[in-house]
Protein backbone atom coordinates (compact mmCIF):
# COMPACT_ATOMS: atom_id res chain seq x y z
CA MET A 1 -2.85 -14.01 -6.60
CA ASN A 2 -1.65 -11.29 -4.24
CA GLU A 3 1.79 -11.55 -5.84
CA GLN A 4 0.27 -10.71 -9.24
CA ILE A 5 -1.57 -7.75 -7.75
CA MET A 6 1.61 -6.59 -6.04
CA ASP A 7 3.65 -6.80 -9.25
CA LYS A 8 1.05 -4.89 -11.27
CA THR A 9 0.64 -2.27 -8.55
CA LYS A 10 4.40 -1.79 -8.40
CA GLN A 11 4.51 -1.29 -12.16
CA ALA A 12 1.61 1.18 -12.20
CA ALA A 13 3.05 3.07 -9.22
CA TYR A 14 6.41 3.35 -10.97
CA PHE A 15 4.87 5.10 -13.97
CA LEU A 16 2.88 7.38 -11.68
CA TRP A 17 6.17 8.38 -10.06
CA GLU A 18 7.82 8.86 -13.44
CA TYR A 19 5.05 11.16 -14.67
CA THR A 20 4.44 13.10 -11.45
CA GLN A 21 7.90 13.10 -9.83
CA HIS A 22 6.14 13.15 -6.47
CA ASP A 23 8.55 12.09 -3.75
CA ASN A 24 6.36 9.73 -1.71
CA PRO A 25 6.42 6.17 -3.13
CA LEU A 26 3.65 4.98 -0.83
CA ASN A 27 1.32 7.63 -2.24
CA HIS A 28 2.02 6.33 -5.76
CA TRP A 29 1.03 2.88 -4.53
CA TYR A 30 -2.18 4.23 -2.99
CA CYS A 31 -2.93 6.14 -6.18
CA ALA A 32 -2.48 3.03 -8.34
CA GLU A 33 -4.79 1.06 -6.03
CA ASP A 34 -7.40 3.82 -6.15
CA ILE A 35 -7.28 4.08 -9.95
CA ALA A 36 -7.59 0.29 -10.24
CA CYS A 37 -10.57 0.41 -7.88
CA PHE A 38 -12.15 3.05 -10.14
CA PHE A 39 -11.48 0.84 -13.17
CA GLU A 40 -12.99 -2.17 -11.40
CA GLU A 41 -16.09 -0.18 -10.49
CA TYR A 42 -16.53 0.90 -14.13
CA GLU A 43 -15.73 -2.61 -15.40
CA ILE A 44 -12.60 -1.62 -17.30
CA PHE A 45 -10.87 -5.00 -17.42
CA ASP A 46 -8.95 -4.86 -20.69
CA ARG A 47 -7.42 -2.39 -23.10
CA ALA A 48 -10.48 -2.49 -25.38
CA ALA A 49 -12.70 -1.31 -22.52
CA MET A 50 -10.24 1.44 -21.69
CA ASP A 51 -9.93 2.47 -25.33
CA ALA A 52 -13.71 2.91 -25.43
CA PHE A 53 -13.34 5.73 -22.91
CA VAL A 54 -10.52 7.50 -24.73
CA GLN A 55 -11.42 6.88 -28.37
CA GLY A 56 -13.53 10.02 -28.76
CA GLY A 57 -10.53 12.30 -28.35
CA LYS A 58 -9.72 15.26 -26.18
CA HIS A 59 -12.98 17.11 -26.83
CA ASP A 60 -15.28 14.17 -26.15
CA ASP A 61 -17.22 14.27 -22.87
CA THR A 62 -16.49 10.61 -22.12
CA TYR A 63 -12.75 11.19 -22.56
CA ILE A 64 -12.84 14.30 -20.37
CA ASP A 65 -14.76 12.55 -17.60
CA PHE A 66 -12.43 9.55 -17.71
CA MET A 67 -9.27 11.68 -17.54
CA ARG A 68 -10.79 13.82 -14.82
CA HIS A 69 -11.16 10.72 -12.62
CA ILE A 70 -7.52 9.80 -13.10
CA ALA A 71 -6.24 13.37 -12.72
CA PHE A 72 -8.27 13.85 -9.55
CA ARG A 73 -6.74 10.75 -7.99
CA ILE A 74 -3.28 11.98 -8.95
CA TYR A 75 -4.11 15.29 -7.25
CA ILE A 76 -5.33 13.55 -4.08
CA TYR A 77 -2.20 11.45 -3.67
CA THR A 78 0.47 13.89 -4.86
CA ASN A 79 -0.97 17.17 -3.53
CA GLN A 80 -0.04 18.75 -6.86
CA GLU A 81 -2.31 21.77 -6.97
CA ASN A 82 -1.79 22.59 -10.64
CA PRO A 83 -4.70 20.91 -12.45
CA ARG A 84 -2.90 20.98 -15.79
CA THR A 85 0.04 19.09 -14.36
CA ASN A 86 -2.32 16.42 -13.02
CA TRP A 87 -4.22 16.31 -16.30
CA TYR A 88 -1.04 15.88 -18.35
CA ALA A 89 0.16 13.14 -15.99
CA ALA A 90 -3.19 11.36 -16.42
CA GLU A 91 -2.92 11.61 -20.20
CA ARG A 92 0.65 10.33 -20.15
CA CYS A 93 -0.42 7.35 -18.05
CA ALA A 94 -3.37 6.61 -20.34
CA GLY A 95 -1.03 6.80 -23.32
CA ASN A 96 1.45 4.35 -21.84
CA GLY A 97 0.62 0.77 -22.82
CA GLU A 98 2.51 -0.77 -19.90
CA TRP A 99 0.70 1.43 -17.38
CA CYS A 100 -2.66 0.67 -19.00
CA ASP A 101 -2.01 -3.07 -19.00
CA ALA A 102 -0.97 -2.98 -15.34
CA ILE A 103 -4.00 -0.96 -14.21
CA VAL A 104 -6.58 -2.99 -16.15
CA GLU A 105 -5.01 -6.22 -14.87
CA MET A 106 -5.22 -4.87 -11.32
CA ALA A 107 -8.89 -4.06 -11.89
CA ARG A 108 -9.53 -7.53 -13.29
CA LEU A 109 -7.81 -9.13 -10.31
CA TYR A 110 -9.71 -6.87 -7.90
CA ARG A 111 -13.00 -8.06 -9.40
CA GLN A 112 -11.88 -11.68 -9.28
CA GLU A 113 -10.62 -11.52 -5.70
CA LYS A 114 -12.80 -8.88 -4.05
CA ASN A 115 -14.75 -11.39 -1.96
CA SER A 116 -11.59 -12.98 -0.58
CA ALA A 117 -10.53 -11.93 2.92
CA ASP A 118 -6.88 -12.23 1.86
CA PHE A 119 -7.47 -9.68 -0.90
CA VAL A 120 -8.75 -6.96 1.42
CA VAL A 121 -5.84 -7.47 3.82
CA SER A 122 -3.36 -7.15 0.95
CA LEU A 123 -4.55 -3.65 0.02
CA ARG A 124 -2.45 -0.84 1.44
CA SER A 125 -4.79 2.07 0.86
CA ASP A 126 -7.29 2.47 3.70
CA LYS A 127 -9.71 4.17 1.31
CA VAL A 128 -9.66 1.27 -1.15
CA ARG A 129 -9.74 -1.31 1.64
CA ARG A 130 -12.90 0.31 3.07
CA PHE A 131 -14.49 0.24 -0.39
CA TYR A 132 -14.10 -3.54 -0.58
CA GLN A 133 -15.13 -4.31 3.00
C-alpha cells in the first residue's frame, strides 16, 4: 500500500513543481501530502467529489474556498508570496486530470490506511504525520 501512496505522491509533487517551479522537491512532496490530507478530511475520494467543489465556477463561494485551501498550501510550502501566483498554480493543478487523480487516490488511501502504524511512519511531512497520530 505504501508503494501506491509513494507513486501517487511522486506524481502529484511533480505537477506541483511544474506549476510552481519552486526549487525544493521535498517541499513539493510535503505539499502533496498536505493537500491529500485536506482532501481526506473533506472526503474527496474521487473526481466526482472534487468536481462538486469546482463545478460552480470561479465566482462560486465553494469554488473559491476550495481553491483557497490549495493555494494556501502551495504558499506554505513554496514561500511564494504572490497570492495570484499561488492561486493560478492551484487552478492549474485542479485543471490537470493526472494531478487530480493522484491527489484523490492519495486521499482515498489515507482514509483506508490511516489507522495503520505503517501508514503514519511512511508520511514525510511532520504536520501531516501529527494529524494522523
